C-alpha cells in the first residue's frame, strides 16, 4: 500500500512538472542514476515509465531487473528474472552479462516452474542444462573477469557439466598458463572426474610454481591413494604419499586425523 501511494505521489508530481513527457532514454538515464544511489522505488518508477512508452526497449527491462535484484527483496527476485529473460529475448546483441548470469544460475528453478505451467511444452533435464550452460558462458564472454569465470565454473559443476568447465579453463589457461587459481580449480575438477594422471600433472605444476602450496601437496597424496584403491595392480608408494601429507601439514593444511595416524604425523 505504501508503495502504491508513493508511486501515485510521484506520478502526480511528475505530471505537474511535465516529466511524464520525457522520452524513453531520459527515463532510463534517470532510473540508472537513482538505482546507483540505491533509490530503488524511484528507479523502478522511471523504468516502468520507459516500458510504458516502449515495451520493446530491452534496456528498460534490463535495468528494471537489475533494480529488483539490487533491492534485495525476496518478492522482487522472480520479476527480476522475468525482466532479464525479456531483455535477452528483445536484444541478444547487447552486453547484458548480469542478465545472462542471473538466468543461467536460476535456470533449474525457472524452468521447473515453466514446466509446471506448460506441461505439454516442458523441457528435459538435458535441455535445461544446455540452456543454463549457454547463458552462463555468454555472461562470461560479454564481461570476462577471473571472479566471474570462477562463479561460472562453479555453476557448471553444480549442473554436472564438468567437462564444459574443463574446456573453459583450458581455453583461459592458454592466455595465462601459470594462473594459480585457475590451475587449482582445473585440478580439482579433473579429480572429481577421476582423471587422476591429468590432475596430478596440474598439482605437480602448482608445486613447482609455489613450493609451499599446502593444498597441492595434499591433493597429490589423495590422488596417489585413490589411484592405488582403483587399481589392484598398483602399490601405494607410502614414502612419497606420507612425504606429501607431511608437507601439506607443515605448510598449514589441516589433515584428517586418520591420515595423520597412517603416516605418524603429529
Protein backbone atom coordinates (compact mmCIF):
# COMPACT_ATOMS: atom_id res chain seq x y z
CA UNK A 1 0.00 0.00 0.00
CA UNK A 2 2.84 2.36 0.88
CA UNK A 3 4.45 1.68 -2.50
CA UNK A 4 1.14 2.42 -4.26
CA UNK A 5 0.75 5.84 -2.61
CA UNK A 6 4.44 6.57 -3.14
CA UNK A 7 4.15 5.88 -6.87
CA UNK A 8 0.88 7.83 -7.03
CA UNK A 9 2.62 10.79 -5.43
CA UNK A 10 5.46 10.52 -7.93
CA UNK A 11 3.06 10.29 -10.84
CA UNK A 12 1.12 13.40 -9.78
CA UNK A 13 4.28 15.36 -9.03
CA UNK A 14 5.97 14.46 -12.28
CA UNK A 15 2.80 15.21 -14.27
CA UNK A 16 2.75 18.70 -12.86
CA UNK A 17 6.37 19.29 -13.85
CA UNK A 18 5.94 17.81 -17.31
CA UNK A 19 8.32 14.94 -16.56
CA UNK A 20 5.94 12.34 -17.96
CA UNK A 21 6.51 13.83 -21.39
CA UNK A 22 10.19 12.89 -21.35
CA UNK A 23 11.48 10.31 -23.80
CA UNK A 24 12.46 6.70 -23.06
CA UNK A 25 16.21 7.37 -22.94
CA UNK A 26 15.77 10.14 -20.35
CA UNK A 27 13.63 7.93 -18.13
CA UNK A 28 16.26 5.17 -18.35
CA UNK A 29 19.08 7.62 -17.63
CA UNK A 30 17.34 8.99 -14.54
CA UNK A 31 16.43 5.49 -13.43
CA UNK A 32 20.07 4.41 -13.61
CA UNK A 33 21.12 7.45 -11.57
CA UNK A 34 18.63 6.61 -8.82
CA UNK A 35 19.43 2.88 -8.90
CA UNK A 36 23.13 3.63 -8.36
CA UNK A 37 22.15 5.79 -5.37
CA UNK A 38 20.02 2.90 -4.01
CA UNK A 39 16.80 4.87 -4.59
CA UNK A 40 15.09 1.72 -5.83
CA UNK A 41 11.46 2.91 -5.68
CA UNK A 42 12.07 5.97 -7.85
CA UNK A 43 14.38 4.00 -10.15
CA UNK A 44 11.64 1.40 -10.64
CA UNK A 45 9.17 4.18 -11.41
CA UNK A 46 11.42 5.61 -14.13
CA UNK A 47 11.94 2.21 -15.75
CA UNK A 48 8.20 1.49 -15.59
CA UNK A 49 7.54 4.76 -17.43
CA UNK A 50 10.14 3.87 -20.06
CA UNK A 51 8.46 0.48 -20.61
CA UNK A 52 5.04 2.13 -20.84
CA UNK A 53 6.39 4.31 -23.65
CA UNK A 54 8.27 1.50 -25.42
CA UNK A 55 7.54 -2.10 -24.45
CA UNK A 56 10.24 -3.33 -26.85
CA UNK A 57 13.06 -1.42 -25.12
CA UNK A 58 15.47 -4.11 -23.89
CA UNK A 59 17.50 -1.65 -21.79
CA UNK A 60 14.44 -0.67 -19.75
CA UNK A 61 13.71 -4.31 -18.86
CA UNK A 62 17.37 -4.98 -18.10
CA UNK A 63 17.78 -2.06 -15.71
CA UNK A 64 14.44 -2.67 -14.05
CA UNK A 65 15.51 -6.27 -13.47
CA UNK A 66 18.81 -5.01 -12.08
CA UNK A 67 16.89 -2.65 -9.77
CA UNK A 68 14.79 -5.55 -8.48
CA UNK A 69 17.92 -7.67 -7.92
CA UNK A 70 19.91 -4.88 -6.25
CA UNK A 71 16.99 -4.04 -4.00
CA UNK A 72 17.46 -7.49 -2.39
CA UNK A 73 13.74 -8.00 -1.80
CA UNK A 74 12.53 -11.59 -1.87
CA UNK A 75 9.28 -10.64 -3.64
CA UNK A 76 11.24 -8.97 -6.44
CA UNK A 77 13.51 -11.83 -7.49
CA UNK A 78 11.00 -13.56 -9.78
CA UNK A 79 10.20 -10.27 -11.57
CA UNK A 80 13.94 -9.64 -11.93
CA UNK A 81 14.48 -12.98 -13.67
CA UNK A 82 11.44 -12.33 -15.85
CA UNK A 83 12.77 -8.92 -16.89
CA UNK A 84 16.22 -10.36 -17.61
CA UNK A 85 14.66 -13.05 -19.79
CA UNK A 86 12.63 -10.45 -21.69
CA UNK A 87 15.62 -8.18 -22.33
CA UNK A 88 17.64 -11.12 -23.68
CA UNK A 89 14.77 -12.06 -25.99
CA UNK A 90 14.39 -8.48 -27.20
CA UNK A 91 18.08 -7.91 -27.93
CA UNK A 92 20.69 -10.67 -27.69
CA UNK A 93 23.46 -8.47 -29.13
CA UNK A 94 23.97 -6.15 -26.15
CA UNK A 95 26.24 -6.61 -23.15
CA UNK A 96 23.69 -7.92 -20.66
CA UNK A 97 26.22 -10.02 -18.76
CA UNK A 98 24.39 -9.77 -15.42
CA UNK A 99 21.13 -10.82 -17.08
CA UNK A 100 22.66 -13.89 -18.72
CA UNK A 101 24.36 -14.86 -15.45
CA UNK A 102 21.20 -14.45 -13.37
CA UNK A 103 19.08 -16.51 -15.77
CA UNK A 104 21.80 -19.18 -16.06
CA UNK A 105 22.19 -19.60 -12.31
CA UNK A 106 18.44 -19.91 -11.75
CA UNK A 107 17.68 -21.99 -14.83
CA UNK A 108 16.66 -25.14 -12.96
CA UNK A 109 14.24 -23.30 -10.68
CA UNK A 110 12.99 -21.11 -13.50
CA UNK A 111 12.35 -23.99 -15.91
CA UNK A 112 10.78 -26.23 -13.27
CA UNK A 113 8.17 -23.54 -12.76
CA UNK A 114 7.75 -23.18 -16.53
CA UNK A 115 7.24 -26.95 -16.88
CA UNK A 116 4.51 -26.96 -14.22
CA UNK A 117 2.64 -24.21 -16.04
CA UNK A 118 3.24 -25.66 -19.52
CA UNK A 119 3.43 -29.48 -19.19
CA UNK A 120 2.96 -30.02 -22.95
CA UNK A 121 5.98 -27.80 -23.74
CA UNK A 122 8.14 -28.89 -20.81
CA UNK A 123 11.92 -29.00 -21.20
CA UNK A 124 14.02 -32.07 -20.44
CA UNK A 125 16.83 -32.03 -17.87
CA UNK A 126 19.35 -32.07 -20.73
CA UNK A 127 17.70 -29.05 -22.39
CA UNK A 128 17.69 -27.18 -19.07
CA UNK A 129 21.42 -27.78 -18.57
CA UNK A 130 22.23 -26.84 -22.14
CA UNK A 131 20.36 -23.57 -21.80
CA UNK A 132 21.95 -22.84 -18.42
CA UNK A 133 25.42 -23.51 -19.81
CA UNK A 134 24.75 -21.22 -22.77
CA UNK A 135 23.58 -18.33 -20.55
CA UNK A 136 26.50 -18.73 -18.13
CA UNK A 137 29.16 -18.85 -20.84
CA UNK A 138 27.56 -15.89 -22.59
CA UNK A 139 27.70 -13.86 -19.37
CA UNK A 140 31.43 -14.50 -19.07
CA UNK A 141 32.28 -13.81 -22.71
CA UNK A 142 30.39 -10.50 -22.54
CA UNK A 143 32.23 -9.28 -19.43
CA UNK A 144 35.25 -11.52 -18.72
CA UNK A 145 36.84 -11.45 -15.27
CA UNK A 146 38.52 -14.07 -13.11
CA UNK A 147 35.85 -13.77 -10.40
CA UNK A 148 33.02 -14.25 -12.90
CA UNK A 149 34.84 -17.18 -14.51
CA UNK A 150 35.21 -18.94 -11.15
CA UNK A 151 31.49 -18.40 -10.49
CA UNK A 152 30.57 -19.70 -13.94
CA UNK A 153 32.77 -22.75 -13.33
CA UNK A 154 31.02 -23.38 -10.01
CA UNK A 155 27.60 -23.39 -11.67
CA UNK A 156 28.80 -25.70 -14.45
CA UNK A 157 29.97 -28.21 -11.85
CA UNK A 158 26.68 -27.71 -9.98
CA UNK A 159 24.79 -28.64 -13.16
CA UNK A 160 27.14 -31.61 -13.68
CA UNK A 161 28.80 -30.02 -16.72
CA UNK A 162 32.33 -30.66 -15.51
CA UNK A 163 33.70 -31.31 -18.99
CA UNK A 164 32.45 -27.93 -20.18
CA UNK A 165 34.13 -26.37 -17.13
CA UNK A 166 37.42 -28.05 -18.11
CA UNK A 167 37.10 -26.72 -21.66
CA UNK A 168 36.57 -23.19 -20.32
CA UNK A 169 39.59 -23.49 -18.03
CA UNK A 170 41.81 -24.90 -20.77
CA UNK A 171 40.78 -22.01 -23.00
CA UNK A 172 41.66 -19.41 -20.34
CA UNK A 173 44.91 -21.09 -19.29
CA UNK A 174 46.20 -20.72 -22.84
CA UNK A 175 46.18 -16.97 -22.15
CA UNK A 176 47.72 -17.28 -18.68
CA UNK A 177 49.23 -20.73 -18.16
CA UNK A 178 50.51 -20.01 -14.64
CA UNK A 179 47.29 -18.66 -13.15
CA UNK A 180 47.27 -20.30 -9.71
CA UNK A 181 43.51 -20.04 -9.03
CA UNK A 182 42.52 -21.43 -12.42
CA UNK A 183 45.09 -24.24 -12.29
CA UNK A 184 43.88 -25.29 -8.86
CA UNK A 185 40.25 -25.27 -9.98
CA UNK A 186 41.18 -27.34 -13.03
CA UNK A 187 42.98 -29.87 -10.85
CA UNK A 188 40.01 -30.17 -8.51
CA UNK A 189 37.54 -30.69 -11.35
CA UNK A 190 39.80 -33.26 -13.04
CA UNK A 191 40.00 -35.09 -9.71
CA UNK A 192 36.18 -35.13 -9.49
CA UNK A 193 36.14 -36.68 -12.99
CA UNK A 194 38.60 -39.41 -11.85
CA UNK A 195 41.19 -38.14 -14.33
CA UNK A 196 43.94 -38.80 -11.82
CA UNK A 197 47.01 -38.52 -14.05
CA UNK A 198 45.88 -35.22 -15.55
CA UNK A 199 45.01 -33.87 -12.10
CA UNK A 200 48.40 -35.00 -10.77
CA UNK A 201 50.15 -33.10 -13.56
CA UNK A 202 48.26 -29.94 -12.61
CA UNK A 203 49.11 -30.18 -8.90
CA UNK A 204 52.75 -31.01 -9.71
CA UNK A 205 52.87 -27.80 -11.75
CA UNK A 206 51.33 -25.84 -8.88
CA UNK A 207 54.00 -27.13 -6.51
CA UNK A 208 56.71 -26.06 -8.95
CA UNK A 209 55.17 -22.61 -9.02
CA UNK A 210 54.94 -22.50 -5.22
CA UNK A 211 56.95 -24.95 -3.12
CA UNK A 212 54.82 -24.10 -0.09
CA UNK A 213 51.44 -24.83 -1.68
CA UNK A 214 50.00 -26.97 1.12
CA UNK A 215 46.75 -27.78 -0.70
CA UNK A 216 48.54 -29.15 -3.78
CA UNK A 217 50.70 -31.46 -1.64
CA UNK A 218 47.52 -32.73 -0.01
CA UNK A 219 45.79 -33.35 -3.34
CA UNK A 220 48.85 -35.19 -4.64
CA UNK A 221 48.69 -37.55 -1.67
CA UNK A 222 44.94 -38.11 -2.11
CA UNK A 223 45.37 -38.82 -5.83
CA UNK A 224 48.10 -41.38 -5.09
CA UNK A 225 45.79 -43.08 -2.60
CA UNK A 226 42.81 -43.03 -4.99
CA UNK A 227 44.86 -44.49 -7.85
CA UNK A 228 46.05 -47.33 -5.61
CA UNK A 229 42.48 -48.01 -4.47
CA UNK A 230 41.21 -48.12 -8.05
CA UNK A 231 43.95 -50.34 -9.46
CA UNK A 232 44.69 -53.64 -7.69
CA UNK A 233 47.99 -53.91 -9.57
CA UNK A 234 49.22 -50.56 -8.28
CA UNK A 235 51.01 -50.35 -4.94
CA UNK A 236 50.86 -47.12 -2.98
CA UNK A 237 54.31 -45.59 -2.53
CA UNK A 238 53.87 -44.96 1.20
CA UNK A 239 57.09 -42.94 1.46
CA UNK A 240 56.10 -40.38 -1.20
CA UNK A 241 52.49 -40.42 -0.01
CA UNK A 242 53.46 -39.57 3.57
CA UNK A 243 56.01 -37.00 2.39
CA UNK A 244 53.25 -35.13 0.58
CA UNK A 245 50.95 -35.25 3.61
CA UNK A 246 53.71 -34.06 5.93
CA UNK A 247 54.46 -31.10 3.66
CA UNK A 248 50.77 -30.27 3.43
CA UNK A 249 50.61 -30.29 7.24
CA UNK A 250 53.85 -28.29 7.57
CA UNK A 251 52.58 -25.52 5.28
CA UNK A 252 49.25 -25.18 7.05
CA UNK A 253 46.77 -27.64 5.55
CA UNK A 254 44.52 -29.35 8.10
CA UNK A 255 44.94 -33.12 7.67
CA UNK A 256 42.27 -35.58 8.80
CA UNK A 257 43.27 -37.43 11.95
CA UNK A 258 43.16 -40.91 10.39
CA UNK A 259 45.55 -39.82 7.63
CA UNK A 260 47.95 -38.38 10.22
CA UNK A 261 47.99 -41.73 12.06
CA UNK A 262 48.83 -43.59 8.83
CA UNK A 263 51.97 -41.51 8.38
CA UNK A 264 52.88 -40.84 12.00
CA UNK A 265 52.08 -37.15 11.69
CA UNK A 266 51.56 -35.32 14.97
